[in-house]
C-alpha cells in the first residue's frame, strides 16, 4: 500500500487511516483502469490466439488488488463511517441529517405534509 500512497493528500475532509486507504485505492484504480479494460478485452476476444489470451489473463491476475473496481468503499466525508452512507452526498445518515437541518446542503429540506 505504501508504494501507491501520495506524498501529499488532496483531501479536504476528516482524515483517519481508513479514509487515507480508501483515497489511495480510488487513485490507484483510476490510474490503472484503462490497462485493466484493455486486458479484459484481450481475454474476451476469441479471435486472438489462446496463448495471447492466457498471457493477458496472467497479467490481469498479477495486478495489485487496489486496481480492482471492488476495492474503493463509500465512506462518509465528514466522519469516515463506512456504513449508512448516502452515495449521492457521500455522507453518513446522521451527518446528512445534521447538515440538512442546518441548511448546509443546497436543495434539501425537511419533508412536511
N, C-alpha and C. Protein backbone atom coordinates (compact mmCIF):
# COMPACT_ATOMS: atom_id res chain seq x y z
N UNK A 1 0.82 -1.18 0.00
CA UNK A 1 0.00 0.00 0.00
C UNK A 1 0.87 1.26 0.00
N UNK A 2 1.98 1.23 0.69
CA UNK A 2 2.83 2.40 0.75
C UNK A 2 3.41 2.76 -0.61
N UNK A 3 3.50 1.78 -1.49
CA UNK A 3 4.05 2.07 -2.82
C UNK A 3 3.14 2.97 -3.63
N UNK A 4 1.85 3.00 -3.31
CA UNK A 4 0.90 3.81 -4.05
C UNK A 4 0.60 5.15 -3.39
N UNK A 5 0.84 5.27 -2.09
CA UNK A 5 0.42 6.45 -1.36
C UNK A 5 1.16 7.70 -1.82
N UNK A 6 0.41 8.78 -2.03
CA UNK A 6 0.98 10.05 -2.46
C UNK A 6 1.69 10.72 -1.29
N UNK A 7 2.65 11.58 -1.61
CA UNK A 7 3.37 12.31 -0.57
C UNK A 7 2.45 13.32 0.10
N UNK A 8 1.59 13.94 -0.70
CA UNK A 8 0.65 14.92 -0.17
C UNK A 8 -0.76 14.53 -0.59
N UNK A 9 -1.66 14.45 0.37
CA UNK A 9 -3.03 14.05 0.08
C UNK A 9 -3.86 15.27 -0.28
N UNK A 10 -4.71 15.15 -1.29
CA UNK A 10 -5.59 16.24 -1.67
C UNK A 10 -6.99 16.01 -1.11
N UNK A 11 -7.05 15.79 0.20
CA UNK A 11 -8.32 15.57 0.88
C UNK A 11 -8.71 16.84 1.61
N UNK A 12 -10.01 17.12 1.60
CA UNK A 12 -10.48 18.30 2.33
C UNK A 12 -11.59 17.86 3.28
N UNK A 13 -11.32 16.84 4.07
CA UNK A 13 -12.33 16.30 4.96
C UNK A 13 -11.65 15.71 6.19
N UNK A 14 -12.47 15.11 7.03
CA UNK A 14 -11.98 14.38 8.20
C UNK A 14 -11.04 13.27 7.72
N UNK A 15 -9.91 13.10 8.38
CA UNK A 15 -8.93 12.11 7.91
C UNK A 15 -8.62 11.11 9.02
N UNK A 16 -8.75 9.85 8.70
CA UNK A 16 -8.22 8.79 9.53
C UNK A 16 -7.59 7.75 8.60
N UNK A 17 -7.06 6.68 9.13
CA UNK A 17 -6.32 5.73 8.30
C UNK A 17 -7.20 5.06 7.26
N UNK A 18 -8.46 4.82 7.59
CA UNK A 18 -9.35 4.17 6.62
C UNK A 18 -9.67 5.08 5.45
N UNK A 19 -9.80 6.36 5.71
CA UNK A 19 -10.07 7.32 4.63
C UNK A 19 -8.84 7.46 3.74
N UNK A 20 -7.66 7.48 4.33
CA UNK A 20 -6.43 7.56 3.55
C UNK A 20 -6.30 6.33 2.66
N UNK A 21 -6.59 5.16 3.21
CA UNK A 21 -6.51 3.92 2.44
C UNK A 21 -7.53 3.93 1.30
N UNK A 22 -8.74 4.38 1.58
CA UNK A 22 -9.78 4.44 0.55
C UNK A 22 -9.40 5.43 -0.54
N UNK A 23 -8.84 6.57 -0.15
CA UNK A 23 -8.40 7.58 -1.11
C UNK A 23 -7.32 7.00 -2.02
N UNK A 24 -6.38 6.26 -1.41
CA UNK A 24 -5.31 5.63 -2.18
C UNK A 24 -5.89 4.63 -3.17
N UNK A 25 -6.86 3.83 -2.73
CA UNK A 25 -7.48 2.83 -3.60
C UNK A 25 -8.17 3.49 -4.78
N UNK A 26 -8.86 4.61 -4.53
CA UNK A 26 -9.55 5.31 -5.62
C UNK A 26 -8.56 5.86 -6.65
N UNK A 27 -7.45 6.43 -6.18
CA UNK A 27 -6.44 6.98 -7.08
C UNK A 27 -5.81 5.87 -7.93
N UNK A 28 -5.43 4.76 -7.29
CA UNK A 28 -4.79 3.66 -7.99
C UNK A 28 -5.75 3.04 -9.01
N UNK A 29 -7.01 2.87 -8.61
CA UNK A 29 -8.00 2.32 -9.53
C UNK A 29 -8.16 3.22 -10.75
N UNK A 30 -8.21 4.52 -10.52
CA UNK A 30 -8.38 5.48 -11.61
C UNK A 30 -7.19 5.44 -12.58
N UNK A 31 -5.99 5.27 -12.06
CA UNK A 31 -4.80 5.25 -12.89
C UNK A 31 -4.70 3.97 -13.74
N UNK A 32 -5.11 2.84 -13.18
CA UNK A 32 -4.91 1.55 -13.85
C UNK A 32 -6.14 1.03 -14.58
N UNK A 33 -7.25 1.75 -14.54
CA UNK A 33 -8.47 1.25 -15.17
C UNK A 33 -8.34 1.04 -16.68
N UNK A 34 -7.73 1.96 -17.46
CA UNK A 34 -7.59 1.69 -18.90
C UNK A 34 -6.80 0.41 -19.20
N UNK A 35 -5.76 0.17 -18.43
CA UNK A 35 -4.95 -1.04 -18.63
C UNK A 35 -5.77 -2.29 -18.33
N UNK A 36 -6.55 -2.25 -17.25
CA UNK A 36 -7.39 -3.40 -16.90
C UNK A 36 -8.45 -3.65 -17.98
N UNK A 37 -9.05 -2.59 -18.50
CA UNK A 37 -10.06 -2.75 -19.55
C UNK A 37 -9.44 -3.36 -20.80
N UNK A 38 -8.24 -2.93 -21.15
CA UNK A 38 -7.57 -3.48 -22.33
C UNK A 38 -7.29 -4.97 -22.15
N UNK A 39 -6.80 -5.34 -20.98
CA UNK A 39 -6.52 -6.76 -20.71
C UNK A 39 -7.80 -7.58 -20.73
N UNK A 40 -8.88 -7.06 -20.16
CA UNK A 40 -10.15 -7.79 -20.18
C UNK A 40 -10.68 -7.95 -21.60
N UNK A 41 -10.47 -6.93 -22.43
CA UNK A 41 -10.89 -7.03 -23.83
C UNK A 41 -10.11 -8.14 -24.55
N UNK A 42 -8.80 -8.19 -24.32
CA UNK A 42 -7.96 -9.22 -24.94
C UNK A 42 -8.40 -10.61 -24.48
N UNK A 43 -8.70 -10.76 -23.20
CA UNK A 43 -9.10 -12.06 -22.66
C UNK A 43 -10.41 -12.53 -23.29
N UNK A 44 -11.35 -11.62 -23.49
CA UNK A 44 -12.67 -11.99 -24.04
C UNK A 44 -12.68 -12.17 -25.55
N UNK A 45 -11.66 -11.64 -26.23
CA UNK A 45 -11.64 -11.68 -27.69
C UNK A 45 -11.26 -13.09 -28.16
N UNK A 46 -12.21 -13.84 -28.68
CA UNK A 46 -11.97 -15.23 -29.07
C UNK A 46 -11.23 -15.35 -30.39
N UNK A 47 -11.10 -14.26 -31.14
CA UNK A 47 -10.39 -14.33 -32.41
C UNK A 47 -8.87 -14.28 -32.23
N UNK A 48 -8.42 -13.91 -31.05
CA UNK A 48 -6.98 -13.88 -30.76
C UNK A 48 -6.47 -15.28 -30.42
N UNK A 49 -5.16 -15.52 -30.58
CA UNK A 49 -4.61 -16.84 -30.21
C UNK A 49 -4.76 -17.10 -28.71
N UNK A 50 -4.88 -18.37 -28.37
CA UNK A 50 -5.09 -18.77 -26.97
C UNK A 50 -3.91 -18.35 -26.09
N UNK A 51 -2.72 -18.40 -26.64
CA UNK A 51 -1.52 -18.04 -25.86
C UNK A 51 -1.56 -16.56 -25.45
N UNK A 52 -1.94 -15.68 -26.37
CA UNK A 52 -2.04 -14.25 -26.08
C UNK A 52 -3.08 -14.00 -25.00
N UNK A 53 -4.21 -14.67 -25.13
CA UNK A 53 -5.28 -14.51 -24.14
C UNK A 53 -4.84 -15.01 -22.77
N UNK A 54 -4.09 -16.10 -22.73
CA UNK A 54 -3.61 -16.65 -21.46
C UNK A 54 -2.60 -15.70 -20.80
N UNK A 55 -1.73 -15.09 -21.62
CA UNK A 55 -0.77 -14.13 -21.08
C UNK A 55 -1.47 -12.91 -20.50
N UNK A 56 -2.51 -12.43 -21.19
CA UNK A 56 -3.29 -11.29 -20.69
C UNK A 56 -3.97 -11.65 -19.38
N UNK A 57 -4.48 -12.88 -19.31
CA UNK A 57 -5.15 -13.32 -18.08
C UNK A 57 -4.16 -13.39 -16.92
N UNK A 58 -2.97 -13.83 -17.20
CA UNK A 58 -1.93 -13.90 -16.17
C UNK A 58 -1.54 -12.50 -15.71
N UNK A 59 -1.39 -11.56 -16.64
CA UNK A 59 -1.06 -10.18 -16.29
C UNK A 59 -2.16 -9.57 -15.42
N UNK A 60 -3.40 -9.82 -15.79
CA UNK A 60 -4.52 -9.28 -15.03
C UNK A 60 -4.55 -9.85 -13.62
N UNK A 61 -4.26 -11.13 -13.49
CA UNK A 61 -4.26 -11.77 -12.17
C UNK A 61 -3.12 -11.26 -11.30
N UNK A 62 -2.02 -10.84 -11.92
CA UNK A 62 -0.87 -10.39 -11.15
C UNK A 62 -0.92 -8.91 -10.79
N UNK A 63 -1.91 -8.18 -11.31
CA UNK A 63 -2.02 -6.76 -10.96
C UNK A 63 -2.40 -6.61 -9.48
N UNK A 64 -2.02 -5.51 -8.90
CA UNK A 64 -2.29 -5.26 -7.48
C UNK A 64 -3.78 -5.21 -7.22
N UNK A 65 -4.20 -5.64 -6.03
CA UNK A 65 -5.62 -5.70 -5.73
C UNK A 65 -6.27 -4.31 -5.68
N UNK A 66 -5.50 -3.26 -5.46
CA UNK A 66 -6.07 -1.91 -5.42
C UNK A 66 -6.53 -1.44 -6.79
N UNK A 67 -6.13 -2.14 -7.85
CA UNK A 67 -6.54 -1.73 -9.19
C UNK A 67 -7.93 -2.27 -9.54
N UNK A 68 -8.52 -3.07 -8.67
CA UNK A 68 -9.85 -3.64 -8.92
C UNK A 68 -10.94 -2.63 -8.58
N UNK A 69 -12.05 -2.73 -9.31
CA UNK A 69 -13.15 -1.79 -9.11
C UNK A 69 -13.90 -2.04 -7.81
N UNK A 70 -13.72 -3.21 -7.21
CA UNK A 70 -14.45 -3.54 -5.98
C UNK A 70 -13.75 -3.01 -4.73
N UNK A 71 -12.56 -2.48 -4.86
CA UNK A 71 -11.80 -2.06 -3.69
C UNK A 71 -12.27 -0.76 -3.04
N UNK A 72 -12.54 0.32 -3.79
CA UNK A 72 -12.99 1.55 -3.12
C UNK A 72 -14.33 1.34 -2.42
N UNK A 73 -14.47 1.94 -1.26
CA UNK A 73 -15.71 1.81 -0.47
C UNK A 73 -16.28 3.20 -0.23
N UNK A 74 -17.60 3.31 -0.29
CA UNK A 74 -18.23 4.59 0.01
C UNK A 74 -18.05 4.88 1.50
N UNK A 75 -17.39 5.99 1.80
CA UNK A 75 -17.17 6.40 3.18
C UNK A 75 -17.68 7.82 3.35
N UNK A 76 -18.10 8.13 4.56
CA UNK A 76 -18.59 9.46 4.88
C UNK A 76 -17.41 10.44 4.85
N UNK A 77 -17.58 11.55 4.15
CA UNK A 77 -16.50 12.53 4.07
C UNK A 77 -16.40 13.35 5.34
N UNK A 78 -17.43 13.33 6.16
CA UNK A 78 -17.42 14.11 7.40
C UNK A 78 -16.85 13.32 8.58
N UNK A 79 -17.21 12.05 8.68
CA UNK A 79 -16.79 11.29 9.85
C UNK A 79 -16.04 10.02 9.55
N UNK A 80 -16.01 9.59 8.29
CA UNK A 80 -15.26 8.40 7.93
C UNK A 80 -16.00 7.10 8.12
N UNK A 81 -17.30 7.15 8.45
CA UNK A 81 -18.07 5.92 8.63
C UNK A 81 -18.20 5.17 7.32
N UNK A 82 -18.25 3.85 7.40
CA UNK A 82 -18.37 3.03 6.21
C UNK A 82 -19.76 2.47 5.99
N UNK A 83 -20.64 2.66 6.95
CA UNK A 83 -22.00 2.12 6.83
C UNK A 83 -23.01 3.25 6.87
N UNK A 84 -24.14 3.02 6.22
CA UNK A 84 -25.21 4.00 6.22
C UNK A 84 -24.83 5.28 5.49
N UNK A 85 -24.11 5.13 4.38
CA UNK A 85 -23.63 6.29 3.64
C UNK A 85 -24.50 6.50 2.40
N UNK A 86 -25.02 7.72 2.25
CA UNK A 86 -25.75 8.08 1.03
C UNK A 86 -24.73 8.36 -0.06
N UNK A 87 -24.76 7.57 -1.12
CA UNK A 87 -23.75 7.67 -2.17
C UNK A 87 -23.81 9.03 -2.89
N UNK A 88 -25.01 9.58 -3.06
CA UNK A 88 -25.14 10.85 -3.78
C UNK A 88 -24.46 12.00 -3.04
N UNK A 89 -24.49 11.96 -1.72
CA UNK A 89 -23.94 13.04 -0.91
C UNK A 89 -22.61 12.67 -0.25
N UNK A 90 -22.27 11.40 -0.27
CA UNK A 90 -21.07 10.86 0.39
C UNK A 90 -21.04 11.23 1.87
N UNK A 91 -22.22 11.12 2.51
CA UNK A 91 -22.33 11.41 3.94
C UNK A 91 -23.11 10.29 4.62
N UNK A 92 -22.75 10.03 5.87
CA UNK A 92 -23.49 9.07 6.67
C UNK A 92 -24.86 9.66 7.02
N UNK A 93 -25.78 8.80 7.42
CA UNK A 93 -27.16 9.24 7.70
C UNK A 93 -27.21 10.37 8.72
N UNK A 94 -26.48 10.21 9.81
CA UNK A 94 -26.55 11.23 10.86
C UNK A 94 -25.95 12.56 10.39
N UNK A 95 -24.80 12.50 9.72
CA UNK A 95 -24.18 13.72 9.22
C UNK A 95 -25.07 14.39 8.18
N UNK A 96 -25.71 13.59 7.35
CA UNK A 96 -26.63 14.14 6.35
C UNK A 96 -27.77 14.87 7.04
N UNK A 97 -28.32 14.25 8.07
CA UNK A 97 -29.44 14.87 8.80
C UNK A 97 -29.04 16.19 9.45
N UNK A 98 -27.88 16.18 10.12
CA UNK A 98 -27.42 17.40 10.79
C UNK A 98 -27.14 18.53 9.79
N UNK A 99 -26.49 18.21 8.69
CA UNK A 99 -26.18 19.23 7.69
C UNK A 99 -27.43 19.71 6.96
N UNK A 100 -28.38 18.82 6.72
CA UNK A 100 -29.62 19.22 6.05
C UNK A 100 -30.44 20.13 6.95
N UNK A 101 -30.53 19.80 8.22
CA UNK A 101 -31.29 20.64 9.16
C UNK A 101 -30.63 22.00 9.35
N UNK A 102 -29.30 22.03 9.24
CA UNK A 102 -28.60 23.31 9.39
C UNK A 102 -28.62 24.12 8.10
N UNK A 103 -29.11 23.52 7.01
CA UNK A 103 -29.21 24.23 5.74
C UNK A 103 -27.91 24.28 4.96
N UNK A 104 -26.99 23.37 5.22
CA UNK A 104 -25.70 23.36 4.53
C UNK A 104 -25.70 22.55 3.24
N UNK A 105 -26.81 21.84 2.97
CA UNK A 105 -26.90 21.06 1.74
C UNK A 105 -27.94 21.72 0.85
N UNK A 106 -27.53 22.31 -0.28
CA UNK A 106 -28.48 23.01 -1.12
C UNK A 106 -29.50 22.07 -1.75
N UNK A 107 -30.75 22.52 -1.76
CA UNK A 107 -31.82 21.76 -2.38
C UNK A 107 -32.44 20.70 -1.51
N UNK A 108 -31.97 20.56 -0.27
CA UNK A 108 -32.51 19.56 0.64
C UNK A 108 -33.21 20.27 1.77
N UNK A 109 -34.47 19.88 2.00
CA UNK A 109 -35.19 20.43 3.15
C UNK A 109 -36.03 19.34 3.78
N UNK A 110 -36.44 19.58 5.01
CA UNK A 110 -37.21 18.60 5.75
C UNK A 110 -38.59 18.46 5.15
N UNK A 111 -39.02 17.23 4.97
CA UNK A 111 -40.33 16.99 4.38
C UNK A 111 -41.41 17.28 5.40
N UNK A 112 -42.50 17.88 4.92
CA UNK A 112 -43.66 18.10 5.78
C UNK A 112 -44.91 17.96 4.92
N UNK A 113 -45.87 17.26 5.44
CA UNK A 113 -47.12 17.07 4.68
C UNK A 113 -48.30 17.05 5.60
